C-alpha atoms as a PDB file:
ATOM      1  CA  MET A   1       9.786 -11.301 -18.934  1.00  0.00           C
ATOM      2  CA  SER A   2       6.243 -10.696 -16.858  1.00  0.00           C
ATOM      3  CA  LYS A   3       5.482  -7.452 -15.429  1.00  0.00           C
ATOM      4  CA  PRO A   4       2.309  -6.823 -12.618  1.00  0.00           C
ATOM      5  CA  TYR A   5      -0.964  -6.548 -13.366  1.00  0.00           C
ATOM      6  CA  SER A   6      -2.827  -6.543 -10.197  1.00  0.00           C
ATOM      7  CA  VAL A   7      -2.148  -6.457  -6.829  1.00  0.00           C
ATOM      8  CA  ASN A   8      -4.500  -7.450  -3.548  1.00  0.00           C
ATOM      9  CA  ILE A   9      -4.099  -6.127  -0.798  1.00  0.00           C
ATOM     10  CA  THR A  10      -4.462  -8.501   2.431  1.00  0.00           C
ATOM     11  CA  ARG A  11      -3.997  -7.880   5.764  1.00  0.00           C
ATOM     12  CA  VAL A  12      -2.237  -4.427   7.028  1.00  0.00           C
ATOM     13  CA  LYS A  13      -1.228  -3.933  10.023  1.00  0.00           C
ATOM     14  CA  CYS A  14      -0.196   0.086  11.670  1.00  0.00           C
ATOM     15  CA  ASN A  15       2.753  -0.329  14.282  1.00  0.00           C
ATOM     16  CA  ALA A  16       3.004   3.660  14.070  1.00  0.00           C
ATOM     17  CA  THR A  17       0.720   6.733  13.097  1.00  0.00           C
ATOM     18  CA  ASN A  18       1.425   9.771  11.036  1.00  0.00           C
ATOM     19  CA  ASP A  19      -1.470  11.772  12.173  1.00  0.00           C
ATOM     20  CA  TYR A  20      -1.711  13.728  15.441  1.00  0.00           C
ATOM     21  CA  THR A  21      -5.072  12.557  15.426  1.00  0.00           C
ATOM     22  CA  GLY A  22      -3.768   9.519  16.463  1.00  0.00           C
ATOM     23  CA  GLN A  23      -5.856   6.926  13.008  1.00  0.00           C
ATOM     24  CA  ASP A  24      -4.017   7.423   9.626  1.00  0.00           C
ATOM     25  CA  ASP A  25      -6.186   7.348   6.750  1.00  0.00           C
ATOM     26  CA  LEU A  26      -4.189   5.666   4.306  1.00  0.00           C
ATOM     27  CA  TYR A  27      -4.851   4.930   0.187  1.00  0.00           C
ATOM     28  CA  GLY A  28      -2.523   3.871  -2.285  1.00  0.00           C
ATOM     29  CA  ALA A  29      -1.319   5.338  -5.790  1.00  0.00           C
ATOM     30  CA  ILE A  30       0.095   3.609  -8.967  1.00  0.00           C
ATOM     31  CA  GLY A  31       1.059   5.938 -11.098  1.00  0.00           C
ATOM     32  CA  GLN A  32      -2.434   8.261 -11.853  1.00  0.00           C
ATOM     33  CA  ILE A  33      -4.525   5.544  -9.965  1.00  0.00           C
ATOM     34  CA  ARG A  34      -5.752   6.391  -6.713  1.00  0.00           C
ATOM     35  CA  PHE A  35      -7.732   3.411  -4.448  1.00  0.00           C
ATOM     36  CA  ASN A  36      -8.625   3.595  -0.179  1.00  0.00           C
ATOM     37  CA  ILE A  37      -7.338   1.370   1.668  1.00  0.00           C
ATOM     38  CA  GLY A  38      -8.638   2.876   5.549  1.00  0.00           C
ATOM     39  CA  THR A  39      -8.150   4.527   8.611  1.00  0.00           C
ATOM     40  CA  PHE A  40      -5.931   2.795  10.897  1.00  0.00           C
ATOM     41  CA  PRO A  41      -4.996   3.655  14.525  1.00  0.00           C
ATOM     42  CA  ALA A  42      -2.067   2.702  16.409  1.00  0.00           C
ATOM     43  CA  GLY A  43      -2.076  -1.190  16.767  1.00  0.00           C
ATOM     44  CA  GLY A  44      -4.696  -2.086  14.450  1.00  0.00           C
ATOM     45  CA  ASP A  45      -4.519  -5.000  12.513  1.00  0.00           C
ATOM     46  CA  TYR A  46      -6.974  -5.582   9.929  1.00  0.00           C
ATOM     47  CA  ALA A  47      -7.752  -8.234   7.303  1.00  0.00           C
ATOM     48  CA  MET A  48      -8.570  -6.675   3.953  1.00  0.00           C
ATOM     49  CA  ASP A  49      -9.273  -7.462   0.225  1.00  0.00           C
ATOM     50  CA  ILE A  50      -8.232  -4.927  -1.629  1.00  0.00           C
ATOM     51  CA  ASN A  51      -7.898  -5.800  -5.307  1.00  0.00           C
ATOM     52  CA  GLN A  52      -6.187  -3.339  -7.701  1.00  0.00           C
ATOM     53  CA  VAL A  53      -5.365  -3.489 -11.419  1.00  0.00           C
ATOM     54  CA  VAL A  54      -1.740  -1.968 -12.316  1.00  0.00           C
ATOM     55  CA  PRO A  55      -1.722   0.357 -14.621  1.00  0.00           C
ATOM     56  CA  VAL A  56       0.750  -0.354 -18.128  1.00  0.00           C
ATOM     57  CA  GLY A  57       4.292   0.313 -17.261  1.00  0.00           C
ATOM     58  CA  GLU A  58       3.347   0.980 -13.904  1.00  0.00           C
ATOM     59  CA  ARG A  59       4.658  -1.126 -10.859  1.00  0.00           C
ATOM     60  CA  ILE A  60       5.452   0.893  -7.405  1.00  0.00           C
ATOM     61  CA  LEU A  61       2.409   1.396  -5.229  1.00  0.00           C
ATOM     62  CA  THR A  62       2.962   4.805  -3.157  1.00  0.00           C
ATOM     63  CA  ILE A  63       1.666   4.559   0.240  1.00  0.00           C
ATOM     64  CA  MET A  64      -0.137   8.011   1.039  1.00  0.00           C
ATOM     65  CA  GLU A  65      -1.939   9.321   4.003  1.00  0.00           C
ATOM     66  CA  ARG A  66      -4.342  12.286   3.951  1.00  0.00           C
ATOM     67  CA  ASP A  67      -3.569  15.450   5.742  1.00  0.00           C
ATOM     68  CA  VAL A  68      -5.372  18.437   6.134  1.00  0.00           C
ATOM     69  CA  THR A  69      -2.362  19.882   5.809  1.00  0.00           C
ATOM     70  CA  GLY A  70      -0.937  17.679   2.706  1.00  0.00           C
ATOM     71  CA  ASP A  71      -0.630  14.416   2.180  1.00  0.00           C
ATOM     72  CA  ASP A  72       2.369  12.449   3.664  1.00  0.00           C
ATOM     73  CA  ILE A  73       4.121   9.677   1.345  1.00  0.00           C
ATOM     74  CA  ILE A  74       4.592   6.499   4.166  1.00  0.00           C
ATOM     75  CA  GLY A  75       6.485   4.585   1.626  1.00  0.00           C
ATOM     76  CA  TYR A  76       6.805   2.678  -0.966  1.00  0.00           C
ATOM     77  CA  ILE A  77       6.431  -0.904  -2.629  1.00  0.00           C
ATOM     78  CA  ASP A  78       7.896  -2.219  -5.550  1.00  0.00           C
ATOM     79  CA  LEU A  79       4.740  -4.573  -7.400  1.00  0.00           C
ATOM     80  CA  SER A  80       7.949  -5.852  -9.622  1.00  0.00           C
ATOM     81  CA  GLU A  81      10.057  -7.360  -7.192  1.00  0.00           C
ATOM     82  CA  VAL A  82       8.441 -10.552  -6.334  1.00  0.00           C
ATOM     83  CA  MET A  83       5.101 -11.507  -7.696  1.00  0.00           C
ATOM     84  CA  ASP A  84       2.552 -14.167  -8.218  1.00  0.00           C
ATOM     85  CA  ALA A  85       3.314 -14.984  -4.520  1.00  0.00           C
ATOM     86  CA  ASN A  86       2.313 -13.798  -0.887  1.00  0.00           C
ATOM     87  CA  ARG A  87       4.766 -11.134   0.550  1.00  0.00           C
ATOM     88  CA  HIS A  88       4.818  -8.954   3.522  1.00  0.00           C
ATOM     89  CA  VAL A  89       6.350  -5.563   3.643  1.00  0.00           C
ATOM     90  CA  ASN A  90       6.957  -3.017   5.596  1.00  0.00           C
ATOM     91  CA  VAL A  91       6.621   0.374   4.702  1.00  0.00           C
ATOM     92  CA  SER A  92       7.479   3.504   6.938  1.00  0.00           C
ATOM     93  CA  GLY A  93       8.045   7.095   6.833  1.00  0.00           C
ATOM     94  CA  ALA A  94       6.996  10.466   7.807  1.00  0.00           C
ATOM     95  CA  ASP A  95       6.719   9.420  11.195  1.00  0.00           C
ATOM     96  CA  ALA A  96       4.327   5.946  10.239  1.00  0.00           C
ATOM     97  CA  ASN A  97       5.121   2.199  10.201  1.00  0.00           C
ATOM     98  CA  TYR A  98       2.837  -0.217   8.192  1.00  0.00           C
ATOM     99  CA  GLU A  99       3.008  -4.171   7.425  1.00  0.00           C
ATOM    100  CA  PHE A 100       1.233  -5.142   4.543  1.00  0.00           C
ATOM    101  CA  TRP A 101       0.832  -8.376   3.695  1.00  0.00           C
ATOM    102  CA  ILE A 102      -0.024  -8.349  -1.074  1.00  0.00           C
ATOM    103  CA  TYR A 103      -0.318 -10.915  -3.836  1.00  0.00           C
ATOM    104  CA  VAL A 104       0.670  -9.415  -7.069  1.00  0.00           C
ATOM    105  CA  THR A 105      -0.669 -11.514 -10.026  1.00  0.00           C
ATOM    106  CA  SER A 106       1.799 -11.064 -13.112  1.00  0.00           C
ATOM    107  CA  VAL A 107       0.883 -11.343 -16.866  1.00  0.00           C
ATOM    108  CA  GLY A 108       3.567 -11.480 -19.248  1.00  0.00           C
ATOM    109  CA  ASP A 109       4.504  -9.410 -22.213  1.00  0.00           C
END
């Protein structure tokens, strides 16, 4: 059975922000791994090239927003749902709405 080996975020579009400052500072979390995604104003649409290895046993990418009052969870992406293909995912929560274009590379057992 295949499992996620790495994820490549190729594009991010911000439809609505969570932060009262007008832009969100996003990061991703996969298990104990944290990595920056970027700062996004509402309406921002950016090509990206963020590659992250998925730790063994993990399959969920959590999209988080940094805040001075505590970080907010924007949403989750199941990395094992579709692998080895381009994928467009909508993530929304905490009043924010984002679209992510990702490619998850799989590896066999």
